[in-house]
Protein backbone atom coordinates (compact mmCIF):
# COMPACT_ATOMS: atom_id res chain seq x y z
CA UNK A 1 0.00 0.00 0.00
CA UNK A 2 2.88 2.35 0.77
CA UNK A 3 4.37 1.99 -2.71
CA UNK A 4 1.00 2.55 -4.41
CA UNK A 5 0.47 5.72 -2.36
CA UNK A 6 4.01 6.83 -3.21
CA UNK A 7 3.38 6.23 -6.93
CA UNK A 8 0.27 8.45 -6.83
CA UNK A 9 1.79 11.18 -4.66
CA UNK A 10 1.07 14.51 -6.32
CA UNK A 11 -1.34 13.04 -8.87
CA UNK A 12 -4.43 15.08 -9.73
CA UNK A 13 -6.68 12.03 -9.56
CA UNK A 14 -6.77 8.40 -8.44
CA UNK A 15 -8.33 5.39 -10.11
CA UNK A 16 -11.56 4.64 -8.30
CA UNK A 17 -10.59 1.03 -7.58
CA UNK A 18 -7.44 2.16 -5.73
CA UNK A 19 -9.35 4.72 -3.67
CA UNK A 20 -11.98 2.10 -2.82
CA UNK A 21 -9.32 -0.41 -1.84
CA UNK A 22 -7.58 1.96 0.55
CA UNK A 23 -10.87 3.11 2.04
CA UNK A 24 -12.05 -0.49 2.37
CA UNK A 25 -8.87 -1.62 4.13
CA UNK A 26 -8.93 1.29 6.54
CA UNK A 27 -12.61 0.96 7.48
CA UNK A 28 -13.60 -2.66 6.96
CA UNK A 29 -10.62 -4.18 8.77
CA UNK A 30 -11.20 -1.91 11.77
CA UNK A 31 -14.92 -2.77 11.86
CA UNK A 32 -14.40 -6.49 11.33
CA UNK A 33 -11.71 -6.87 13.94
CA UNK A 34 -13.67 -5.12 16.69
CA UNK A 35 -15.83 -8.23 17.08
CA UNK A 36 -15.22 -9.64 20.55
CA UNK A 37 -14.42 -13.13 19.24
CA UNK A 38 -11.88 -11.93 16.69
CA UNK A 39 -8.50 -13.46 17.60
CA UNK A 40 -5.92 -10.74 18.13
CA UNK A 41 -2.17 -10.87 18.35
CA UNK A 42 -0.74 -8.92 21.23
CA UNK A 43 -2.76 -5.72 21.69
CA UNK A 44 0.08 -3.30 20.89
CA UNK A 45 0.76 -4.98 17.53
CA UNK A 46 -2.96 -4.94 16.72
CA UNK A 47 -3.27 -1.23 17.50
CA UNK A 48 -0.13 -0.37 15.51
CA UNK A 49 -1.49 -2.29 12.52
CA UNK A 50 -4.79 -0.39 12.53
CA UNK A 51 -2.94 2.92 12.87
CA UNK A 52 -0.71 1.97 9.93
CA UNK A 53 -3.74 1.30 7.70
CA UNK A 54 -5.11 4.71 8.62
CA UNK A 55 -1.75 6.40 8.02
CA UNK A 56 -1.42 4.74 4.60
CA UNK A 57 -4.90 5.89 3.60
CA UNK A 58 -4.00 9.41 4.76
CA UNK A 59 -0.82 9.31 2.67
CA UNK A 60 -2.75 8.25 -0.44
CA UNK A 61 -5.62 10.72 -0.12
CA UNK A 62 -3.72 13.75 1.23
CA UNK A 63 -0.44 13.14 -0.58
CA UNK A 64 1.68 13.72 2.50
CA UNK A 65 2.94 11.34 5.12
CA UNK A 66 1.52 11.98 8.59
CA UNK A 67 5.14 11.80 9.80
CA UNK A 68 7.93 14.29 9.18
CA UNK A 69 10.56 11.62 8.45
CA UNK A 70 10.74 8.12 6.91
CA UNK A 71 8.68 6.56 9.71
CA UNK A 72 5.76 5.60 7.46
CA UNK A 73 7.99 3.82 4.96
CA UNK A 74 9.79 1.96 7.75
CA UNK A 75 6.53 0.90 9.40
CA UNK A 76 4.90 -0.13 6.12
CA UNK A 77 7.83 -2.31 5.16
CA UNK A 78 8.59 -3.86 8.53
CA UNK A 79 5.49 -4.16 10.73
PDB file of N, CA and C in Angstrom:
ATOM      1  N   UNK A   1       0.826  -1.187   0.000  1.00  0.00           N
ATOM      2  CA  UNK A   1       0.000   0.000   0.000  1.00  0.00           C
ATOM      3  C   UNK A   1       0.875   1.258   0.000  1.00  0.00           C
ATOM      4  N   UNK A   2       1.989   1.191   0.711  1.00  0.00           N
ATOM      5  CA  UNK A   2       2.885   2.353   0.766  1.00  0.00           C
ATOM      6  C   UNK A   2       3.386   2.711  -0.628  1.00  0.00           C
ATOM      7  N   UNK A   3       3.808   1.726  -1.386  1.00  0.00           N
ATOM      8  CA  UNK A   3       4.372   1.990  -2.709  1.00  0.00           C
ATOM      9  C   UNK A   3       3.309   2.503  -3.684  1.00  0.00           C
ATOM     10  N   UNK A   4       2.090   2.029  -3.561  1.00  0.00           N
ATOM     11  CA  UNK A   4       1.005   2.554  -4.408  1.00  0.00           C
ATOM     12  C   UNK A   4       0.767   4.016  -4.073  1.00  0.00           C
ATOM     13  N   UNK A   5       0.679   4.327  -2.768  1.00  0.00           N
ATOM     14  CA  UNK A   5       0.470   5.717  -2.358  1.00  0.00           C
ATOM     15  C   UNK A   5       1.628   6.594  -2.833  1.00  0.00           C
ATOM     16  N   UNK A   6       2.836   6.086  -2.752  1.00  0.00           N
ATOM     17  CA  UNK A   6       4.011   6.831  -3.208  1.00  0.00           C
ATOM     18  C   UNK A   6       3.937   7.085  -4.713  1.00  0.00           C
ATOM     19  N   UNK A   7       3.500   6.084  -5.474  1.00  0.00           N
ATOM     20  CA  UNK A   7       3.381   6.233  -6.934  1.00  0.00           C
ATOM     21  C   UNK A   7       2.360   7.311  -7.314  1.00  0.00           C
ATOM     22  N   UNK A   8       1.316   7.477  -6.512  1.00  0.00           N
ATOM     23  CA  UNK A   8       0.270   8.450  -6.835  1.00  0.00           C
ATOM     24  C   UNK A   8       0.446   9.779  -6.113  1.00  0.00           C
ATOM     25  N   UNK A   9       1.536   9.937  -5.376  1.00  0.00           N
ATOM     26  CA  UNK A   9       1.794  11.177  -4.658  1.00  0.00           C
ATOM     27  C   UNK A   9       1.875  12.327  -5.655  1.00  0.00           C
ATOM     28  N   UNK A  10       1.079  13.348  -5.437  1.00  0.00           N
ATOM     29  CA  UNK A  10       1.067  14.513  -6.318  1.00  0.00           C
ATOM     30  C   UNK A  10       0.175  14.381  -7.534  1.00  0.00           C
ATOM     31  N   UNK A  11      -0.452  13.222  -7.716  1.00  0.00           N
ATOM     32  CA  UNK A  11      -1.339  13.036  -8.870  1.00  0.00           C
ATOM     33  C   UNK A  11      -2.622  13.855  -8.682  1.00  0.00           C
ATOM     34  N   UNK A  12      -3.197  14.302  -9.785  1.00  0.00           N
ATOM     35  CA  UNK A  12      -4.433  15.082  -9.728  1.00  0.00           C
ATOM     36  C   UNK A  12      -5.657  14.213  -9.460  1.00  0.00           C
ATOM     37  N   UNK A  13      -5.549  12.919  -9.778  1.00  0.00           N
ATOM     38  CA  UNK A  13      -6.684  12.028  -9.557  1.00  0.00           C
ATOM     39  C   UNK A  13      -6.177  10.615  -9.285  1.00  0.00           C
ATOM     40  N   UNK A  14      -7.075   9.802  -8.745  1.00  0.00           N
ATOM     41  CA  UNK A  14      -6.771   8.402  -8.436  1.00  0.00           C
ATOM     42  C   UNK A  14      -7.769   7.513  -9.154  1.00  0.00           C
ATOM     43  N   UNK A  15      -7.344   6.349  -9.598  1.00  0.00           N
ATOM     44  CA  UNK A  15      -8.328   5.394 -10.107  1.00  0.00           C
ATOM     45  C   UNK A  15      -9.297   5.020  -8.976  1.00  0.00           C
ATOM     46  N   UNK A  16     -10.530   4.926  -9.303  1.00  0.00           N
ATOM     47  CA  UNK A  16     -11.562   4.635  -8.303  1.00  0.00           C
ATOM     48  C   UNK A  16     -11.273   3.352  -7.552  1.00  0.00           C
ATOM     49  N   UNK A  17     -10.814   2.313  -8.240  1.00  0.00           N
ATOM     50  CA  UNK A  17     -10.590   1.033  -7.579  1.00  0.00           C
ATOM     51  C   UNK A  17      -9.488   1.119  -6.529  1.00  0.00           C
ATOM     52  N   UNK A  18      -8.498   1.991  -6.738  1.00  0.00           N
ATOM     53  CA  UNK A  18      -7.444   2.162  -5.734  1.00  0.00           C
ATOM     54  C   UNK A  18      -8.000   2.911  -4.523  1.00  0.00           C
ATOM     55  N   UNK A  19      -8.742   3.976  -4.771  1.00  0.00           N
ATOM     56  CA  UNK A  19      -9.350   4.723  -3.666  1.00  0.00           C
ATOM     57  C   UNK A  19     -10.275   3.819  -2.856  1.00  0.00           C
ATOM     58  N   UNK A  20     -11.086   3.023  -3.529  1.00  0.00           N
ATOM     59  CA  UNK A  20     -11.979   2.099  -2.823  1.00  0.00           C
ATOM     60  C   UNK A  20     -11.194   1.093  -1.996  1.00  0.00           C
ATOM     61  N   UNK A  21     -10.127   0.571  -2.557  1.00  0.00           N
ATOM     62  CA  UNK A  21      -9.322  -0.414  -1.840  1.00  0.00           C
ATOM     63  C   UNK A  21      -8.707   0.149  -0.569  1.00  0.00           C
ATOM     64  N   UNK A  22      -8.153   1.349  -0.644  1.00  0.00           N
ATOM     65  CA  UNK A  22      -7.575   1.962   0.549  1.00  0.00           C
ATOM     66  C   UNK A  22      -8.656   2.254   1.580  1.00  0.00           C
ATOM     67  N   UNK A  23      -9.773   2.812   1.124  1.00  0.00           N
ATOM     68  CA  UNK A  23     -10.869   3.110   2.044  1.00  0.00           C
ATOM     69  C   UNK A  23     -11.386   1.820   2.682  1.00  0.00           C
ATOM     70  N   UNK A  24     -11.550   0.785   1.879  1.00  0.00           N
ATOM     71  CA  UNK A  24     -12.052  -0.491   2.368  1.00  0.00           C
ATOM     72  C   UNK A  24     -11.122  -1.078   3.425  1.00  0.00           C
ATOM     73  N   UNK A  25      -9.829  -1.076   3.157  1.00  0.00           N
ATOM     74  CA  UNK A  25      -8.872  -1.615   4.133  1.00  0.00           C
ATOM     75  C   UNK A  25      -8.912  -0.833   5.437  1.00  0.00           C
ATOM     76  N   UNK A  26      -8.946   0.471   5.338  1.00  0.00           N
ATOM     77  CA  UNK A  26      -8.927   1.293   6.540  1.00  0.00           C
ATOM     78  C   UNK A  26     -10.206   1.139   7.362  1.00  0.00           C
ATOM     79  N   UNK A  27     -11.353   1.015   6.726  1.00  0.00           N
ATOM     80  CA  UNK A  27     -12.613   0.964   7.478  1.00  0.00           C
ATOM     81  C   UNK A  27     -13.086  -0.463   7.763  1.00  0.00           C
ATOM     82  N   UNK A  28     -13.074  -1.319   6.773  1.00  0.00           N
ATOM     83  CA  UNK A  28     -13.602  -2.665   6.961  1.00  0.00           C
ATOM     84  C   UNK A  28     -12.779  -3.476   7.954  1.00  0.00           C
ATOM     85  N   UNK A  29     -11.464  -3.411   7.849  1.00  0.00           N
ATOM     86  CA  UNK A  29     -10.622  -4.182   8.768  1.00  0.00           C
ATOM     87  C   UNK A  29     -10.870  -3.735  10.199  1.00  0.00           C
ATOM     88  N   UNK A  30     -10.947  -2.435  10.422  1.00  0.00           N
ATOM     89  CA  UNK A  30     -11.202  -1.914  11.768  1.00  0.00           C
ATOM     90  C   UNK A  30     -12.566  -2.400  12.284  1.00  0.00           C
ATOM     91  N   UNK A  31     -13.593  -2.321  11.444  1.00  0.00           N
ATOM     92  CA  UNK A  31     -14.924  -2.773  11.859  1.00  0.00           C
ATOM     93  C   UNK A  31     -14.957  -4.275  12.112  1.00  0.00           C
ATOM     94  N   UNK A  32     -14.374  -5.038  11.222  1.00  0.00           N
ATOM     95  CA  UNK A  32     -14.400  -6.493  11.327  1.00  0.00           C
ATOM     96  C   UNK A  32     -13.665  -6.983  12.561  1.00  0.00           C
ATOM     97  N   UNK A  33     -12.544  -6.389  12.844  1.00  0.00           N
ATOM     98  CA  UNK A  33     -11.708  -6.874  13.941  1.00  0.00           C
ATOM     99  C   UNK A  33     -12.143  -6.379  15.313  1.00  0.00           C
ATOM    100  N   UNK A  34     -13.165  -5.542  15.379  1.00  0.00           N
ATOM    101  CA  UNK A  34     -13.670  -5.122  16.689  1.00  0.00           C
ATOM    102  C   UNK A  34     -14.609  -6.158  17.289  1.00  0.00           C
ATOM    103  N   UNK A  35     -14.973  -7.171  16.536  1.00  0.00           N
ATOM    104  CA  UNK A  35     -15.828  -8.225  17.080  1.00  0.00           C
ATOM    105  C   UNK A  35     -15.119  -8.885  18.253  1.00  0.00           C
ATOM    106  N   UNK A  36     -15.828  -9.122  19.311  1.00  0.00           N
ATOM    107  CA  UNK A  36     -15.220  -9.641  20.548  1.00  0.00           C
ATOM    108  C   UNK A  36     -14.564 -11.005  20.390  1.00  0.00           C
ATOM    109  N   UNK A  37     -15.005 -11.808  19.433  1.00  0.00           N
ATOM    110  CA  UNK A  37     -14.421 -13.131  19.240  1.00  0.00           C
ATOM    111  C   UNK A  37     -13.288 -13.152  18.212  1.00  0.00           C
ATOM    112  N   UNK A  38     -12.953 -11.976  17.671  1.00  0.00           N
ATOM    113  CA  UNK A  38     -11.881 -11.932  16.690  1.00  0.00           C
ATOM    114  C   UNK A  38     -10.549 -12.182  17.400  1.00  0.00           C
ATOM    115  N   UNK A  39      -9.783 -13.185  16.939  1.00  0.00           N
ATOM    116  CA  UNK A  39      -8.500 -13.456  17.602  1.00  0.00           C
ATOM    117  C   UNK A  39      -7.489 -12.348  17.284  1.00  0.00           C
ATOM    118  N   UNK A  40      -6.878 -11.829  18.310  1.00  0.00           N
ATOM    119  CA  UNK A  40      -5.918 -10.745  18.126  1.00  0.00           C
ATOM    120  C   UNK A  40      -4.530 -11.177  18.563  1.00  0.00           C
ATOM    121  N   UNK A  41      -3.526 -10.708  17.835  1.00  0.00           N
ATOM    122  CA  UNK A  41      -2.170 -10.875  18.352  1.00  0.00           C
ATOM    123  C   UNK A  41      -2.038  -9.949  19.561  1.00  0.00           C
ATOM    124  N   UNK A  42      -0.876  -9.793  20.071  1.00  0.00           N
ATOM    125  CA  UNK A  42      -0.739  -8.915  21.234  1.00  0.00           C
ATOM    126  C   UNK A  42      -1.330  -7.545  20.914  1.00  0.00           C
ATOM    127  N   UNK A  43      -1.968  -6.935  21.885  1.00  0.00           N
ATOM    128  CA  UNK A  43      -2.759  -5.721  21.692  1.00  0.00           C
ATOM    129  C   UNK A  43      -1.959  -4.586  21.053  1.00  0.00           C
ATOM    130  N   UNK A  44      -0.721  -4.392  21.439  1.00  0.00           N
ATOM    131  CA  UNK A  44       0.082  -3.302  20.893  1.00  0.00           C
ATOM    132  C   UNK A  44       0.299  -3.478  19.384  1.00  0.00           C
ATOM    133  N   UNK A  45       0.573  -4.699  18.951  1.00  0.00           N
ATOM    134  CA  UNK A  45       0.763  -4.983  17.530  1.00  0.00           C
ATOM    135  C   UNK A  45      -0.527  -4.721  16.762  1.00  0.00           C
ATOM    136  N   UNK A  46      -1.644  -5.141  17.328  1.00  0.00           N
ATOM    137  CA  UNK A  46      -2.962  -4.943  16.718  1.00  0.00           C
ATOM    138  C   UNK A  46      -3.236  -3.446  16.530  1.00  0.00           C
ATOM    139  N   UNK A  47      -3.016  -2.663  17.567  1.00  0.00           N
ATOM    140  CA  UNK A  47      -3.274  -1.229  17.504  1.00  0.00           C
ATOM    141  C   UNK A  47      -2.341  -0.537  16.502  1.00  0.00           C
ATOM    142  N   UNK A  48      -1.078  -0.932  16.477  1.00  0.00           N
ATOM    143  CA  UNK A  48      -0.134  -0.366  15.512  1.00  0.00           C
ATOM    144  C   UNK A  48      -0.546  -0.691  14.075  1.00  0.00           C
ATOM    145  N   UNK A  49      -1.064  -1.880  13.860  1.00  0.00           N
ATOM    146  CA  UNK A  49      -1.492  -2.288  12.519  1.00  0.00           C
ATOM    147  C   UNK A  49      -2.667  -1.452  12.037  1.00  0.00           C
ATOM    148  N   UNK A  50      -3.645  -1.222  12.909  1.00  0.00           N
ATOM    149  CA  UNK A  50      -4.785  -0.390  12.533  1.00  0.00           C
ATOM    150  C   UNK A  50      -4.360   1.050  12.277  1.00  0.00           C
ATOM    151  N   UNK A  51      -3.441   1.561  13.082  1.00  0.00           N
ATOM    152  CA  UNK A  51      -2.939   2.919  12.867  1.00  0.00           C
ATOM    153  C   UNK A  51      -2.194   3.002  11.531  1.00  0.00           C
ATOM    154  N   UNK A  52      -1.436   1.979  11.196  1.00  0.00           N
ATOM    155  CA  UNK A  52      -0.706   1.970   9.932  1.00  0.00           C
ATOM    156  C   UNK A  52      -1.666   2.015   8.742  1.00  0.00           C
ATOM    157  N   UNK A  53      -2.755   1.251   8.790  1.00  0.00           N
ATOM    158  CA  UNK A  53      -3.738   1.301   7.702  1.00  0.00           C
ATOM    159  C   UNK A  53      -4.300   2.712   7.548  1.00  0.00           C
ATOM    160  N   UNK A  54      -4.599   3.344   8.657  1.00  0.00           N
ATOM    161  CA  UNK A  54      -5.113   4.714   8.619  1.00  0.00           C
ATOM    162  C   UNK A  54      -4.063   5.685   8.074  1.00  0.00           C
ATOM    163  N   UNK A  55      -2.825   5.531   8.505  1.00  0.00           N
ATOM    164  CA  UNK A  55      -1.745   6.399   8.021  1.00  0.00           C
ATOM    165  C   UNK A  55      -1.512   6.225   6.528  1.00  0.00           C
ATOM    166  N   UNK A  56      -1.600   4.989   6.038  1.00  0.00           N
ATOM    167  CA  UNK A  56      -1.415   4.736   4.602  1.00  0.00           C
ATOM    168  C   UNK A  56      -2.548   5.358   3.792  1.00  0.00           C
ATOM    169  N   UNK A  57      -3.768   5.261   4.285  1.00  0.00           N
ATOM    170  CA  UNK A  57      -4.897   5.890   3.600  1.00  0.00           C
ATOM    171  C   UNK A  57      -4.712   7.415   3.587  1.00  0.00           C
ATOM    172  N   UNK A  58      -4.272   7.967   4.690  1.00  0.00           N
ATOM    173  CA  UNK A  58      -4.003   9.409   4.762  1.00  0.00           C
ATOM    174  C   UNK A  58      -2.957   9.802   3.718  1.00  0.00           C
ATOM    175  N   UNK A  59      -1.895   9.032   3.626  1.00  0.00           N
ATOM    176  CA  UNK A  59      -0.822   9.305   2.671  1.00  0.00           C
ATOM    177  C   UNK A  59      -1.357   9.282   1.239  1.00  0.00           C
ATOM    178  N   UNK A  60      -2.198   8.319   0.920  1.00  0.00           N
ATOM    179  CA  UNK A  60      -2.749   8.246  -0.436  1.00  0.00           C
ATOM    180  C   UNK A  60      -3.662   9.434  -0.725  1.00  0.00           C
ATOM    181  N   UNK A  61      -4.595   9.716   0.165  1.00  0.00           N
ATOM    182  CA  UNK A  61      -5.615  10.724  -0.119  1.00  0.00           C
ATOM    183  C   UNK A  61      -5.117  12.159   0.052  1.00  0.00           C
ATOM    184  N   UNK A  62      -4.219  12.394   0.986  1.00  0.00           N
ATOM    185  CA  UNK A  62      -3.719  13.749   1.232  1.00  0.00           C
ATOM    186  C   UNK A  62      -2.450  14.030   0.434  1.00  0.00           C
ATOM    187  N   UNK A  63      -1.668  12.978   0.189  1.00  0.00           N
ATOM    188  CA  UNK A  63      -0.444  13.139  -0.576  1.00  0.00           C
ATOM    189  C   UNK A  63       0.770  13.450   0.273  1.00  0.00           C
ATOM    190  N   UNK A  64       0.578  13.459   1.583  1.00  0.00           N
ATOM    191  CA  UNK A  64       1.677  13.721   2.495  1.00  0.00           C
ATOM    192  C   UNK A  64       1.663  12.679   3.601  1.00  0.00           C
ATOM    193  N   UNK A  65       2.837  12.269   4.002  1.00  0.00           N
ATOM    194  CA  UNK A  65       2.944  11.343   5.121  1.00  0.00           C
ATOM    195  C   UNK A  65       2.529  12.054   6.401  1.00  0.00           C
ATOM    196  N   UNK A  66       1.856  11.362   7.306  1.00  0.00           N
ATOM    197  CA  UNK A  66       1.518  11.983   8.588  1.00  0.00           C
ATOM    198  C   UNK A  66       2.737  12.139   9.498  1.00  0.00           C
ATOM    199  N   UNK A  67       3.898  11.691   9.044  1.00  0.00           N
ATOM    200  CA  UNK A  67       5.143  11.796   9.802  1.00  0.00           C
ATOM    201  C   UNK A  67       6.095  12.727   9.062  1.00  0.00           C
ATOM    202  N   UNK A  68       7.008  13.337   9.796  1.00  0.00           N
ATOM    203  CA  UNK A  68       7.932  14.288   9.184  1.00  0.00           C
ATOM    204  C   UNK A  68       9.206  13.627   8.664  1.00  0.00           C
ATOM    205  N   UNK A  69       9.357  12.327   8.896  1.00  0.00           N
ATOM    206  CA  UNK A  69      10.561  11.618   8.448  1.00  0.00           C
ATOM    207  C   UNK A  69      10.154  10.345   7.697  1.00  0.00           C
ATOM    208  N   UNK A  70      11.007   9.369   7.646  1.00  0.00           N
ATOM    209  CA  UNK A  70      10.743   8.123   6.911  1.00  0.00           C
ATOM    210  C   UNK A  70       9.999   7.087   7.746  1.00  0.00           C
ATOM    211  N   UNK A  71       9.351   7.501   8.808  1.00  0.00           N
ATOM    212  CA  UNK A  71       8.677   6.563   9.706  1.00  0.00           C
ATOM    213  C   UNK A  71       7.626   5.730   8.980  1.00  0.00           C
ATOM    214  N   UNK A  72       6.815   6.345   8.150  1.00  0.00           N
ATOM    215  CA  UNK A  72       5.757   5.600   7.464  1.00  0.00           C
ATOM    216  C   UNK A  72       6.335   4.512   6.571  1.00  0.00           C
ATOM    217  N   UNK A  73       7.360   4.827   5.824  1.00  0.00           N
ATOM    218  CA  UNK A  73       7.987   3.819   4.962  1.00  0.00           C
ATOM    219  C   UNK A  73       8.547   2.675   5.803  1.00  0.00           C
ATOM    220  N   UNK A  74       9.215   3.002   6.894  1.00  0.00           N
ATOM    221  CA  UNK A  74       9.794   1.960   7.751  1.00  0.00           C
ATOM    222  C   UNK A  74       8.704   1.080   8.339  1.00  0.00           C
ATOM    223  N   UNK A  75       7.623   1.671   8.818  1.00  0.00           N
ATOM    224  CA  UNK A  75       6.530   0.900   9.403  1.00  0.00           C
ATOM    225  C   UNK A  75       5.847   0.019   8.345  1.00  0.00           C
ATOM    226  N   UNK A  76       5.604   0.597   7.175  1.00  0.00           N
ATOM    227  CA  UNK A  76       4.902  -0.131   6.120  1.00  0.00           C
ATOM    228  C   UNK A  76       5.702  -1.324   5.618  1.00  0.00           C
ATOM    229  N   UNK A  77       6.991  -1.235   5.680  1.00  0.00           N
ATOM    230  CA  UNK A  77       7.830  -2.306   5.165  1.00  0.00           C
ATOM    231  C   UNK A  77       8.228  -3.320   6.230  1.00  0.00           C
ATOM    232  N   UNK A  78       8.032  -2.999   7.484  1.00  0.00           N
ATOM    233  CA  UNK A  78       8.588  -3.857   8.526  1.00  0.00           C
ATOM    234  C   UNK A  78       7.619  -4.265   9.627  1.00  0.00           C
ATOM    235  N   UNK A  79       6.386  -3.820   9.619  1.00  0.00           N
ATOM    236  CA  UNK A  79       5.486  -4.164  10.730  1.00  0.00           C
ATOM    237  C   UNK A  79       5.073  -5.600  10.694  1.00  0.00           C
TER     238      UNK A  79
END
